[in-house]
Amino acid sequence: MADALPTIALFAKYPHAGRAKTRLIPALGEDGAAALHRRLVERTLATIRESGLPFAVWTTGAMGRDFADWLGDDVTLVEQGEGDLGARLSRVPAPAILLGADIPGLTAQHLCDAVAALETNDAVIGPASDGGYYLLGFQRKLPFLWQDMAWGTDAVLAETEARLVAHNIAYAKLTELDDCDRPEDLAAWPELTA
């Protein structure tokens, strides 16, 4: 069994109109897309709290005070820093579970399952139906996962798995979930835009 529980690292952008959920702007407008992003982050944070697991919110797009005013003074905030997504993900110390806020179907059980998987595996992946992943956990640093990745494409999951296999890293996979990134995704989650 692992010595320490992994910390959930929720990556969150501040919900500025025009800069959050930009692929949803054609369907919702700038304000609507930002409001949806705000709801998704709040919903994900509530799910993390329900799990009882240690967590921190890795922030971008605003000062820490703005995030504290939004999410609460009891939330540990860490600045993501500069660079592409891979550079920012690489800064999270192990053991950790990386998490995005765009998976409305995420439950506390998924997070607990990820922790359980890390007791017998070096890594765990929560595959997203769009070819990426909604969750990636690791017991130790795996820097090869972050370099030269085609982020935002449907090749991310397959490439991640190929790299884990090439480095002989034992990993587990969780249930596949849908994310909410594109206008066509909204029909599955009417309560998010009501």
N, C-alpha and C. Protein backbone atom coordinates (compact mmCIF):
# COMPACT_ATOMS: atom_id res chain seq x y z
N MET A 1 0.83 -1.19 0.00
CA MET A 1 0.00 0.00 0.00
C MET A 1 0.87 1.25 0.00
N ALA A 2 0.39 2.30 -0.62
CA ALA A 2 1.14 3.55 -0.71
C ALA A 2 1.31 4.16 0.68
N ASP A 3 2.43 4.84 0.87
CA ASP A 3 2.70 5.48 2.16
C ASP A 3 1.80 6.68 2.40
N ALA A 4 1.58 7.47 1.36
CA ALA A 4 0.79 8.69 1.51
C ALA A 4 -0.33 8.70 0.47
N LEU A 5 -1.46 9.26 0.90
CA LEU A 5 -2.55 9.42 -0.07
C LEU A 5 -2.12 10.41 -1.15
N PRO A 6 -2.47 10.14 -2.38
CA PRO A 6 -2.19 11.14 -3.42
C PRO A 6 -3.05 12.38 -3.20
N THR A 7 -2.51 13.52 -3.55
CA THR A 7 -3.26 14.77 -3.48
C THR A 7 -3.94 15.01 -4.82
N ILE A 8 -5.21 15.31 -4.79
CA ILE A 8 -5.92 15.65 -6.02
C ILE A 8 -5.53 17.07 -6.43
N ALA A 9 -5.08 17.21 -7.65
CA ALA A 9 -4.71 18.51 -8.20
C ALA A 9 -5.76 18.89 -9.23
N LEU A 10 -6.69 19.74 -8.83
CA LEU A 10 -7.74 20.21 -9.73
C LEU A 10 -7.22 21.42 -10.50
N PHE A 11 -7.11 21.28 -11.81
CA PHE A 11 -6.66 22.38 -12.66
C PHE A 11 -7.86 23.23 -13.04
N ALA A 12 -7.79 24.52 -12.69
CA ALA A 12 -8.95 25.39 -12.91
C ALA A 12 -8.51 26.76 -13.42
N LYS A 13 -9.20 27.20 -14.43
CA LYS A 13 -9.02 28.54 -14.98
C LYS A 13 -10.08 29.45 -14.37
N TYR A 14 -9.71 30.70 -14.14
CA TYR A 14 -10.70 31.64 -13.61
C TYR A 14 -11.76 31.89 -14.69
N PRO A 15 -13.05 31.97 -14.30
CA PRO A 15 -14.12 32.06 -15.30
C PRO A 15 -14.36 33.46 -15.86
N HIS A 16 -13.36 34.02 -16.51
CA HIS A 16 -13.52 35.30 -17.19
C HIS A 16 -14.31 35.08 -18.48
N ALA A 17 -15.28 35.92 -18.74
CA ALA A 17 -16.04 35.85 -20.00
C ALA A 17 -15.07 36.04 -21.17
N GLY A 18 -15.19 35.14 -22.14
CA GLY A 18 -14.34 35.21 -23.32
C GLY A 18 -13.05 34.43 -23.22
N ARG A 19 -12.71 33.97 -21.99
CA ARG A 19 -11.45 33.23 -21.80
C ARG A 19 -11.65 31.86 -21.18
N ALA A 20 -12.88 31.49 -20.90
CA ALA A 20 -13.16 30.18 -20.30
C ALA A 20 -14.15 29.44 -21.21
N LYS A 21 -13.88 28.16 -21.41
CA LYS A 21 -14.76 27.31 -22.22
C LYS A 21 -15.01 27.95 -23.59
N THR A 22 -13.92 28.35 -24.24
CA THR A 22 -14.05 29.10 -25.49
C THR A 22 -14.70 28.30 -26.61
N ARG A 23 -14.57 26.98 -26.59
CA ARG A 23 -15.22 26.18 -27.64
C ARG A 23 -16.74 26.18 -27.49
N LEU A 24 -17.23 26.60 -26.32
CA LEU A 24 -18.68 26.66 -26.10
C LEU A 24 -19.26 28.04 -26.35
N ILE A 25 -18.42 29.02 -26.65
CA ILE A 25 -18.91 30.38 -26.88
C ILE A 25 -19.90 30.45 -28.05
N PRO A 26 -19.68 29.72 -29.16
CA PRO A 26 -20.68 29.79 -30.24
C PRO A 26 -22.08 29.37 -29.80
N ALA A 27 -22.17 28.45 -28.85
CA ALA A 27 -23.48 27.98 -28.38
C ALA A 27 -24.03 28.79 -27.22
N LEU A 28 -23.15 29.28 -26.34
CA LEU A 28 -23.62 29.90 -25.10
C LEU A 28 -23.30 31.38 -24.98
N GLY A 29 -22.46 31.91 -25.86
CA GLY A 29 -21.97 33.27 -25.70
C GLY A 29 -20.84 33.31 -24.68
N GLU A 30 -20.12 34.41 -24.64
CA GLU A 30 -18.98 34.51 -23.72
C GLU A 30 -19.39 34.40 -22.26
N ASP A 31 -20.45 35.12 -21.87
CA ASP A 31 -20.90 35.08 -20.48
C ASP A 31 -21.44 33.70 -20.11
N GLY A 32 -22.20 33.09 -21.02
CA GLY A 32 -22.77 31.77 -20.75
C GLY A 32 -21.70 30.70 -20.63
N ALA A 33 -20.68 30.76 -21.47
CA ALA A 33 -19.59 29.78 -21.40
C ALA A 33 -18.82 29.94 -20.09
N ALA A 34 -18.58 31.19 -19.69
CA ALA A 34 -17.87 31.43 -18.43
C ALA A 34 -18.71 30.96 -17.24
N ALA A 35 -20.02 31.19 -17.30
CA ALA A 35 -20.91 30.75 -16.21
C ALA A 35 -20.93 29.22 -16.12
N LEU A 36 -20.94 28.56 -17.27
CA LEU A 36 -20.89 27.10 -17.27
C LEU A 36 -19.59 26.61 -16.66
N HIS A 37 -18.47 27.23 -17.03
CA HIS A 37 -17.18 26.84 -16.46
C HIS A 37 -17.19 27.02 -14.94
N ARG A 38 -17.75 28.12 -14.49
CA ARG A 38 -17.83 28.37 -13.03
C ARG A 38 -18.60 27.23 -12.35
N ARG A 39 -19.75 26.85 -12.92
CA ARG A 39 -20.56 25.77 -12.34
C ARG A 39 -19.80 24.44 -12.35
N LEU A 40 -19.08 24.17 -13.44
CA LEU A 40 -18.34 22.90 -13.53
C LEU A 40 -17.23 22.83 -12.48
N VAL A 41 -16.51 23.92 -12.30
CA VAL A 41 -15.45 23.94 -11.28
C VAL A 41 -16.06 23.75 -9.89
N GLU A 42 -17.14 24.47 -9.60
CA GLU A 42 -17.78 24.36 -8.29
C GLU A 42 -18.31 22.94 -8.06
N ARG A 43 -18.88 22.36 -9.08
CA ARG A 43 -19.42 20.99 -8.99
C ARG A 43 -18.28 19.99 -8.74
N THR A 44 -17.19 20.15 -9.47
CA THR A 44 -16.05 19.25 -9.29
C THR A 44 -15.44 19.40 -7.90
N LEU A 45 -15.34 20.62 -7.43
CA LEU A 45 -14.79 20.85 -6.10
C LEU A 45 -15.69 20.20 -5.04
N ALA A 46 -17.00 20.28 -5.20
CA ALA A 46 -17.91 19.63 -4.25
C ALA A 46 -17.72 18.12 -4.27
N THR A 47 -17.49 17.56 -5.45
CA THR A 47 -17.24 16.11 -5.58
C THR A 47 -15.95 15.73 -4.87
N ILE A 48 -14.92 16.54 -5.03
CA ILE A 48 -13.64 16.27 -4.36
C ILE A 48 -13.83 16.33 -2.85
N ARG A 49 -14.52 17.35 -2.37
CA ARG A 49 -14.77 17.47 -0.92
C ARG A 49 -15.52 16.24 -0.40
N GLU A 50 -16.49 15.77 -1.19
CA GLU A 50 -17.27 14.60 -0.79
C GLU A 50 -16.38 13.37 -0.64
N SER A 51 -15.33 13.28 -1.45
CA SER A 51 -14.43 12.12 -1.39
C SER A 51 -13.60 12.09 -0.10
N GLY A 52 -13.41 13.25 0.51
CA GLY A 52 -12.60 13.33 1.71
C GLY A 52 -11.10 13.27 1.46
N LEU A 53 -10.68 13.29 0.21
CA LEU A 53 -9.27 13.18 -0.13
C LEU A 53 -8.59 14.54 -0.07
N PRO A 54 -7.27 14.56 0.19
CA PRO A 54 -6.56 15.83 0.19
C PRO A 54 -6.54 16.40 -1.23
N PHE A 55 -6.60 17.74 -1.33
CA PHE A 55 -6.63 18.34 -2.66
C PHE A 55 -6.04 19.74 -2.63
N ALA A 56 -5.71 20.22 -3.81
CA ALA A 56 -5.32 21.60 -4.03
C ALA A 56 -5.87 22.00 -5.39
N VAL A 57 -6.19 23.28 -5.55
CA VAL A 57 -6.64 23.80 -6.83
C VAL A 57 -5.46 24.53 -7.47
N TRP A 58 -5.09 24.08 -8.65
CA TRP A 58 -4.00 24.67 -9.42
C TRP A 58 -4.62 25.70 -10.36
N THR A 59 -4.27 26.96 -10.15
CA THR A 59 -5.01 28.07 -10.73
C THR A 59 -4.27 28.75 -11.89
N THR A 60 -5.07 29.37 -12.75
CA THR A 60 -4.55 30.23 -13.80
C THR A 60 -5.63 31.23 -14.18
N GLY A 61 -5.22 32.40 -14.64
CA GLY A 61 -6.16 33.38 -15.14
C GLY A 61 -6.56 34.47 -14.18
N ALA A 62 -6.12 34.39 -12.92
CA ALA A 62 -6.45 35.43 -11.93
C ALA A 62 -5.53 35.26 -10.73
N MET A 63 -5.55 36.25 -9.88
CA MET A 63 -4.75 36.21 -8.66
C MET A 63 -5.36 35.23 -7.66
N GLY A 64 -4.54 34.76 -6.75
CA GLY A 64 -5.00 33.83 -5.72
C GLY A 64 -6.16 34.38 -4.92
N ARG A 65 -6.15 35.70 -4.64
CA ARG A 65 -7.24 36.31 -3.86
C ARG A 65 -8.58 36.15 -4.58
N ASP A 66 -8.56 36.28 -5.93
CA ASP A 66 -9.80 36.13 -6.69
C ASP A 66 -10.33 34.71 -6.57
N PHE A 67 -9.42 33.73 -6.63
CA PHE A 67 -9.84 32.34 -6.48
C PHE A 67 -10.34 32.08 -5.06
N ALA A 68 -9.67 32.63 -4.05
CA ALA A 68 -10.11 32.43 -2.66
C ALA A 68 -11.49 33.04 -2.45
N ASP A 69 -11.72 34.23 -3.03
CA ASP A 69 -13.04 34.85 -2.91
C ASP A 69 -14.11 33.98 -3.55
N TRP A 70 -13.76 33.32 -4.64
CA TRP A 70 -14.70 32.46 -5.37
C TRP A 70 -14.89 31.11 -4.68
N LEU A 71 -13.79 30.43 -4.37
CA LEU A 71 -13.86 29.03 -3.92
C LEU A 71 -13.77 28.85 -2.41
N GLY A 72 -13.33 29.88 -1.70
CA GLY A 72 -13.25 29.80 -0.25
C GLY A 72 -11.82 29.88 0.25
N ASP A 73 -11.67 30.47 1.43
CA ASP A 73 -10.34 30.63 2.02
C ASP A 73 -9.73 29.32 2.51
N ASP A 74 -10.54 28.27 2.59
CA ASP A 74 -10.03 26.99 3.08
C ASP A 74 -9.42 26.13 1.97
N VAL A 75 -9.43 26.62 0.74
CA VAL A 75 -8.93 25.85 -0.40
C VAL A 75 -7.45 26.18 -0.61
N THR A 76 -6.61 25.14 -0.67
CA THR A 76 -5.20 25.32 -0.99
C THR A 76 -5.09 25.67 -2.47
N LEU A 77 -4.45 26.79 -2.76
CA LEU A 77 -4.29 27.27 -4.13
C LEU A 77 -2.83 27.24 -4.53
N VAL A 78 -2.58 26.76 -5.75
CA VAL A 78 -1.22 26.71 -6.30
C VAL A 78 -1.28 27.31 -7.70
N GLU A 79 -0.41 28.24 -8.00
CA GLU A 79 -0.36 28.85 -9.33
C GLU A 79 0.22 27.84 -10.32
N GLN A 80 -0.48 27.64 -11.45
CA GLN A 80 -0.01 26.69 -12.46
C GLN A 80 1.33 27.09 -13.08
N GLY A 81 1.55 28.38 -13.23
CA GLY A 81 2.78 28.85 -13.85
C GLY A 81 2.66 28.92 -15.36
N GLU A 82 3.76 29.23 -16.00
CA GLU A 82 3.79 29.45 -17.45
C GLU A 82 3.98 28.14 -18.21
N GLY A 83 3.79 28.23 -19.53
CA GLY A 83 4.07 27.10 -20.40
C GLY A 83 2.80 26.41 -20.88
N ASP A 84 2.99 25.41 -21.73
CA ASP A 84 1.86 24.66 -22.25
C ASP A 84 1.31 23.75 -21.15
N LEU A 85 0.25 23.04 -21.47
CA LEU A 85 -0.38 22.19 -20.47
C LEU A 85 0.60 21.18 -19.89
N GLY A 86 1.43 20.60 -20.75
CA GLY A 86 2.42 19.62 -20.27
C GLY A 86 3.36 20.21 -19.25
N ALA A 87 3.85 21.43 -19.50
CA ALA A 87 4.76 22.09 -18.56
C ALA A 87 4.06 22.34 -17.23
N ARG A 88 2.80 22.71 -17.29
CA ARG A 88 2.06 23.00 -16.06
C ARG A 88 1.75 21.72 -15.28
N LEU A 89 1.36 20.66 -15.99
CA LEU A 89 1.09 19.39 -15.32
C LEU A 89 2.35 18.81 -14.68
N SER A 90 3.48 19.03 -15.31
CA SER A 90 4.74 18.44 -14.82
C SER A 90 5.16 19.00 -13.47
N ARG A 91 4.59 20.11 -13.06
CA ARG A 91 4.98 20.74 -11.79
C ARG A 91 4.30 20.10 -10.57
N VAL A 92 3.28 19.29 -10.80
CA VAL A 92 2.55 18.69 -9.69
C VAL A 92 3.39 17.59 -9.05
N PRO A 93 3.67 17.69 -7.75
CA PRO A 93 4.50 16.67 -7.09
C PRO A 93 3.74 15.36 -6.87
N ALA A 94 4.47 14.26 -6.94
CA ALA A 94 3.91 12.93 -6.68
C ALA A 94 3.88 12.68 -5.17
N PRO A 95 2.94 11.82 -4.74
CA PRO A 95 1.86 11.18 -5.50
C PRO A 95 0.69 12.15 -5.69
N ALA A 96 0.06 12.06 -6.85
CA ALA A 96 -1.00 13.00 -7.17
C ALA A 96 -2.00 12.38 -8.14
N ILE A 97 -3.17 13.00 -8.18
CA ILE A 97 -4.20 12.68 -9.16
C ILE A 97 -4.57 13.99 -9.84
N LEU A 98 -4.23 14.11 -11.12
CA LEU A 98 -4.55 15.30 -11.90
C LEU A 98 -6.00 15.21 -12.35
N LEU A 99 -6.68 16.34 -12.28
CA LEU A 99 -8.10 16.34 -12.57
C LEU A 99 -8.49 17.65 -13.25
N GLY A 100 -9.33 17.54 -14.28
CA GLY A 100 -9.92 18.72 -14.90
C GLY A 100 -11.32 18.91 -14.36
N ALA A 101 -11.93 20.04 -14.71
CA ALA A 101 -13.25 20.37 -14.17
C ALA A 101 -14.36 20.23 -15.19
N ASP A 102 -14.10 19.53 -16.29
CA ASP A 102 -15.12 19.50 -17.35
C ASP A 102 -15.78 18.14 -17.52
N ILE A 103 -15.87 17.38 -16.42
CA ILE A 103 -16.49 16.04 -16.45
C ILE A 103 -17.70 16.05 -15.50
N PRO A 104 -18.88 16.42 -16.00
CA PRO A 104 -20.05 16.52 -15.12
C PRO A 104 -20.42 15.21 -14.44
N GLY A 105 -20.08 14.07 -15.03
CA GLY A 105 -20.46 12.79 -14.45
C GLY A 105 -19.50 12.26 -13.40
N LEU A 106 -18.46 13.02 -13.08
CA LEU A 106 -17.49 12.58 -12.08
C LEU A 106 -18.15 12.45 -10.71
N THR A 107 -17.83 11.36 -10.01
CA THR A 107 -18.35 11.15 -8.65
C THR A 107 -17.18 10.97 -7.69
N ALA A 108 -17.49 11.07 -6.41
CA ALA A 108 -16.48 10.81 -5.38
C ALA A 108 -15.97 9.37 -5.48
N GLN A 109 -16.82 8.45 -5.92
CA GLN A 109 -16.39 7.06 -6.06
C GLN A 109 -15.29 6.92 -7.11
N HIS A 110 -15.38 7.68 -8.21
CA HIS A 110 -14.31 7.63 -9.22
C HIS A 110 -12.97 8.03 -8.59
N LEU A 111 -13.00 9.04 -7.73
CA LEU A 111 -11.77 9.50 -7.09
C LEU A 111 -11.24 8.44 -6.12
N CYS A 112 -12.14 7.84 -5.36
CA CYS A 112 -11.74 6.78 -4.44
C CYS A 112 -11.21 5.57 -5.20
N ASP A 113 -11.81 5.25 -6.33
CA ASP A 113 -11.33 4.15 -7.17
C ASP A 113 -9.92 4.44 -7.69
N ALA A 114 -9.66 5.70 -8.03
CA ALA A 114 -8.33 6.07 -8.51
C ALA A 114 -7.28 5.88 -7.41
N VAL A 115 -7.62 6.29 -6.19
CA VAL A 115 -6.70 6.10 -5.06
C VAL A 115 -6.45 4.60 -4.84
N ALA A 116 -7.52 3.80 -4.88
CA ALA A 116 -7.36 2.35 -4.69
C ALA A 116 -6.47 1.76 -5.78
N ALA A 117 -6.64 2.21 -7.01
CA ALA A 117 -5.82 1.70 -8.12
C ALA A 117 -4.35 2.01 -7.90
N LEU A 118 -4.05 3.16 -7.31
CA LEU A 118 -2.66 3.54 -7.09
C LEU A 118 -2.00 2.75 -5.96
N GLU A 119 -2.79 1.98 -5.22
CA GLU A 119 -2.19 1.13 -4.19
C GLU A 119 -1.44 -0.04 -4.82
N THR A 120 -1.81 -0.42 -6.03
CA THR A 120 -1.17 -1.58 -6.67
C THR A 120 -0.63 -1.26 -8.07
N ASN A 121 -0.71 0.01 -8.49
CA ASN A 121 -0.21 0.43 -9.80
C ASN A 121 0.57 1.73 -9.65
N ASP A 122 1.47 1.96 -10.58
CA ASP A 122 2.23 3.21 -10.57
C ASP A 122 1.42 4.37 -11.13
N ALA A 123 0.39 4.06 -11.92
CA ALA A 123 -0.41 5.12 -12.53
C ALA A 123 -1.85 4.64 -12.69
N VAL A 124 -2.75 5.61 -12.87
CA VAL A 124 -4.15 5.31 -13.14
C VAL A 124 -4.67 6.37 -14.11
N ILE A 125 -5.50 5.93 -15.05
CA ILE A 125 -6.06 6.83 -16.05
C ILE A 125 -7.58 6.74 -16.01
N GLY A 126 -8.23 7.90 -16.06
CA GLY A 126 -9.67 7.98 -16.26
C GLY A 126 -9.90 8.42 -17.69
N PRO A 127 -10.21 7.50 -18.60
CA PRO A 127 -10.35 7.86 -20.01
C PRO A 127 -11.62 8.67 -20.29
N ALA A 128 -11.47 9.67 -21.14
CA ALA A 128 -12.61 10.47 -21.58
C ALA A 128 -13.05 9.97 -22.96
N SER A 129 -14.32 10.10 -23.25
CA SER A 129 -14.87 9.56 -24.49
C SER A 129 -14.37 10.29 -25.73
N ASP A 130 -13.72 11.44 -25.54
CA ASP A 130 -13.22 12.20 -26.70
C ASP A 130 -11.79 11.82 -27.08
N GLY A 131 -11.24 10.78 -26.44
CA GLY A 131 -9.89 10.36 -26.77
C GLY A 131 -8.81 10.95 -25.87
N GLY A 132 -9.23 11.72 -24.90
CA GLY A 132 -8.30 12.24 -23.90
C GLY A 132 -8.51 11.54 -22.58
N TYR A 133 -8.16 12.18 -21.50
CA TYR A 133 -8.45 11.62 -20.18
C TYR A 133 -8.93 12.74 -19.26
N TYR A 134 -9.78 12.34 -18.29
CA TYR A 134 -10.28 13.30 -17.32
C TYR A 134 -9.49 13.25 -16.02
N LEU A 135 -8.71 12.20 -15.85
CA LEU A 135 -7.97 11.98 -14.61
C LEU A 135 -6.71 11.22 -14.94
N LEU A 136 -5.61 11.60 -14.31
CA LEU A 136 -4.38 10.82 -14.41
C LEU A 136 -3.68 10.88 -13.07
N GLY A 137 -3.48 9.71 -12.48
CA GLY A 137 -2.82 9.64 -11.19
C GLY A 137 -1.49 8.94 -11.31
N PHE A 138 -0.56 9.30 -10.43
CA PHE A 138 0.76 8.69 -10.46
C PHE A 138 1.36 8.67 -9.06
N GLN A 139 2.11 7.58 -8.78
CA GLN A 139 2.78 7.42 -7.50
C GLN A 139 4.13 8.12 -7.46
N ARG A 140 4.76 8.25 -8.64
CA ARG A 140 6.06 8.91 -8.74
C ARG A 140 6.07 9.75 -10.00
N LYS A 141 7.02 10.64 -10.09
CA LYS A 141 7.11 11.53 -11.25
C LYS A 141 7.28 10.70 -12.52
N LEU A 142 6.53 11.06 -13.56
CA LEU A 142 6.60 10.39 -14.86
C LEU A 142 6.75 11.48 -15.93
N PRO A 143 7.92 12.11 -16.01
CA PRO A 143 8.09 13.28 -16.87
C PRO A 143 7.85 13.02 -18.35
N PHE A 144 8.01 11.78 -18.78
CA PHE A 144 7.81 11.46 -20.20
C PHE A 144 6.34 11.61 -20.63
N LEU A 145 5.42 11.73 -19.68
CA LEU A 145 4.00 11.88 -20.03
C LEU A 145 3.65 13.31 -20.46
N TRP A 146 4.50 14.26 -20.18
CA TRP A 146 4.13 15.66 -20.38
C TRP A 146 4.81 16.29 -21.59
N GLN A 147 5.85 15.67 -22.10
CA GLN A 147 6.65 16.29 -23.16
C GLN A 147 6.11 15.96 -24.54
N ASP A 148 6.04 16.97 -25.40
CA ASP A 148 5.66 16.80 -26.80
C ASP A 148 4.36 16.02 -26.98
N MET A 149 3.34 16.37 -26.20
CA MET A 149 2.04 15.74 -26.30
C MET A 149 1.11 16.65 -27.11
N ALA A 150 0.30 16.06 -27.95
CA ALA A 150 -0.66 16.83 -28.77
C ALA A 150 -1.91 17.11 -27.93
N TRP A 151 -1.78 18.00 -26.96
CA TRP A 151 -2.87 18.31 -26.03
C TRP A 151 -4.11 18.77 -26.78
N GLY A 152 -5.28 18.37 -26.28
CA GLY A 152 -6.53 18.80 -26.86
C GLY A 152 -6.96 18.00 -28.08
N THR A 153 -6.25 16.92 -28.37
CA THR A 153 -6.61 16.08 -29.53
C THR A 153 -7.14 14.74 -29.05
N ASP A 154 -7.70 13.96 -29.99
CA ASP A 154 -8.22 12.65 -29.63
C ASP A 154 -7.13 11.59 -29.55
N ALA A 155 -5.86 12.00 -29.65
CA ALA A 155 -4.74 11.06 -29.57
C ALA A 155 -4.10 11.01 -28.19
N VAL A 156 -4.53 11.88 -27.27
CA VAL A 156 -3.85 12.00 -25.98
C VAL A 156 -3.90 10.70 -25.17
N LEU A 157 -5.07 10.09 -25.08
CA LEU A 157 -5.19 8.86 -24.29
C LEU A 157 -4.31 7.75 -24.87
N ALA A 158 -4.41 7.50 -26.16
CA ALA A 158 -3.63 6.43 -26.79
C ALA A 158 -2.14 6.68 -26.65
N GLU A 159 -1.72 7.92 -26.82
CA GLU A 159 -0.29 8.25 -26.70
C GLU A 159 0.18 8.09 -25.26
N THR A 160 -0.65 8.49 -24.31
CA THR A 160 -0.31 8.33 -22.89
C THR A 160 -0.13 6.86 -22.55
N GLU A 161 -1.08 6.03 -22.98
CA GLU A 161 -0.97 4.60 -22.71
C GLU A 161 0.27 4.00 -23.38
N ALA A 162 0.55 4.42 -24.61
CA ALA A 162 1.72 3.90 -25.31
C ALA A 162 3.00 4.25 -24.56
N ARG A 163 3.07 5.45 -24.03
CA ARG A 163 4.26 5.86 -23.28
C ARG A 163 4.40 5.08 -21.98
N LEU A 164 3.29 4.85 -21.29
CA LEU A 164 3.34 4.05 -20.07
C LEU A 164 3.84 2.64 -20.36
N VAL A 165 3.31 2.03 -21.42
CA VAL A 165 3.74 0.69 -21.80
C VAL A 165 5.22 0.68 -22.17
N ALA A 166 5.66 1.67 -22.94
CA ALA A 166 7.06 1.73 -23.37
C ALA A 166 8.02 1.86 -22.19
N HIS A 167 7.55 2.47 -21.10
CA HIS A 167 8.39 2.64 -19.90
C HIS A 167 8.10 1.58 -18.84
N ASN A 168 7.34 0.54 -19.21
CA ASN A 168 7.02 -0.55 -18.28
C ASN A 168 6.37 -0.07 -16.99
N ILE A 169 5.44 0.87 -17.12
CA ILE A 169 4.72 1.42 -15.97
C ILE A 169 3.38 0.70 -15.85
N ALA A 170 3.17 0.04 -14.72
CA ALA A 170 1.89 -0.63 -14.48
C ALA A 170 0.82 0.42 -14.21
N TYR A 171 -0.30 0.32 -14.96
CA TYR A 171 -1.36 1.30 -14.76
C TYR A 171 -2.72 0.62 -14.83
N ALA A 172 -3.68 1.30 -14.23
CA ALA A 172 -5.08 0.84 -14.23
C ALA A 172 -5.91 1.88 -14.97
N LYS A 173 -7.07 1.44 -15.49
CA LYS A 173 -8.00 2.35 -16.14
C LYS A 173 -9.33 2.35 -15.40
N LEU A 174 -9.88 3.53 -15.25
CA LEU A 174 -11.19 3.69 -14.63
C LEU A 174 -12.27 3.67 -15.71
N THR A 175 -13.50 3.85 -15.29
CA THR A 175 -14.63 3.94 -16.20
C THR A 175 -14.48 5.14 -17.11
N GLU A 176 -14.83 4.97 -18.38
CA GLU A 176 -14.81 6.10 -19.32
C GLU A 176 -15.95 7.06 -19.00
N LEU A 177 -15.68 8.35 -19.06
CA LEU A 177 -16.69 9.38 -18.83
C LEU A 177 -16.67 10.39 -19.97
N ASP A 178 -17.78 11.09 -20.13
CA ASP A 178 -17.90 12.14 -21.14
C ASP A 178 -17.49 13.48 -20.55
N ASP A 179 -16.82 14.29 -21.36
CA ASP A 179 -16.54 15.64 -20.90
C ASP A 179 -17.51 16.62 -21.54
N CYS A 180 -17.45 17.85 -21.10
CA CYS A 180 -18.36 18.88 -21.59
C CYS A 180 -17.50 20.03 -22.12
N ASP A 181 -17.09 19.88 -23.38
CA ASP A 181 -16.17 20.84 -24.00
C ASP A 181 -16.72 21.51 -25.24
N ARG A 182 -17.61 20.79 -25.96
CA ARG A 182 -18.07 21.26 -27.27
C ARG A 182 -19.58 21.48 -27.24
N PRO A 183 -20.08 22.30 -28.15
CA PRO A 183 -21.54 22.55 -28.17
C PRO A 183 -22.37 21.27 -28.20
N GLU A 184 -21.92 20.25 -28.93
CA GLU A 184 -22.70 19.02 -29.01
C GLU A 184 -22.74 18.24 -27.69
N ASP A 185 -21.82 18.57 -26.76
CA ASP A 185 -21.80 17.89 -25.46
C ASP A 185 -22.90 18.40 -24.53
N LEU A 186 -23.42 19.59 -24.81
CA LEU A 186 -24.36 20.24 -23.88
C LEU A 186 -25.67 19.49 -23.72
N ALA A 187 -26.11 18.79 -24.77
CA ALA A 187 -27.41 18.11 -24.71
C ALA A 187 -27.48 17.08 -23.59
N ALA A 188 -26.33 16.49 -23.25
CA ALA A 188 -26.31 15.47 -22.19
C ALA A 188 -26.42 16.05 -20.79
N TRP A 189 -26.22 17.36 -20.66
CA TRP A 189 -26.20 17.98 -19.33
C TRP A 189 -27.08 19.23 -19.30
N PRO A 190 -28.39 19.10 -19.54
CA PRO A 190 -29.25 20.28 -19.62
C PRO A 190 -29.27 21.10 -18.33
N GLU A 191 -29.05 20.44 -17.20
CA GLU A 191 -29.09 21.17 -15.92
C GLU A 191 -27.95 22.18 -15.77
N LEU A 192 -26.89 22.00 -16.56
CA LEU A 192 -25.75 22.90 -16.46
C LEU A 192 -26.00 24.25 -17.12
N THR A 193 -26.93 24.29 -18.04
CA THR A 193 -27.18 25.55 -18.75
C THR A 193 -28.57 26.12 -18.44
N ALA A 194 -29.27 25.49 -17.51
CA ALA A 194 -30.62 25.96 -17.17
C ALA A 194 -30.57 27.27 -16.39
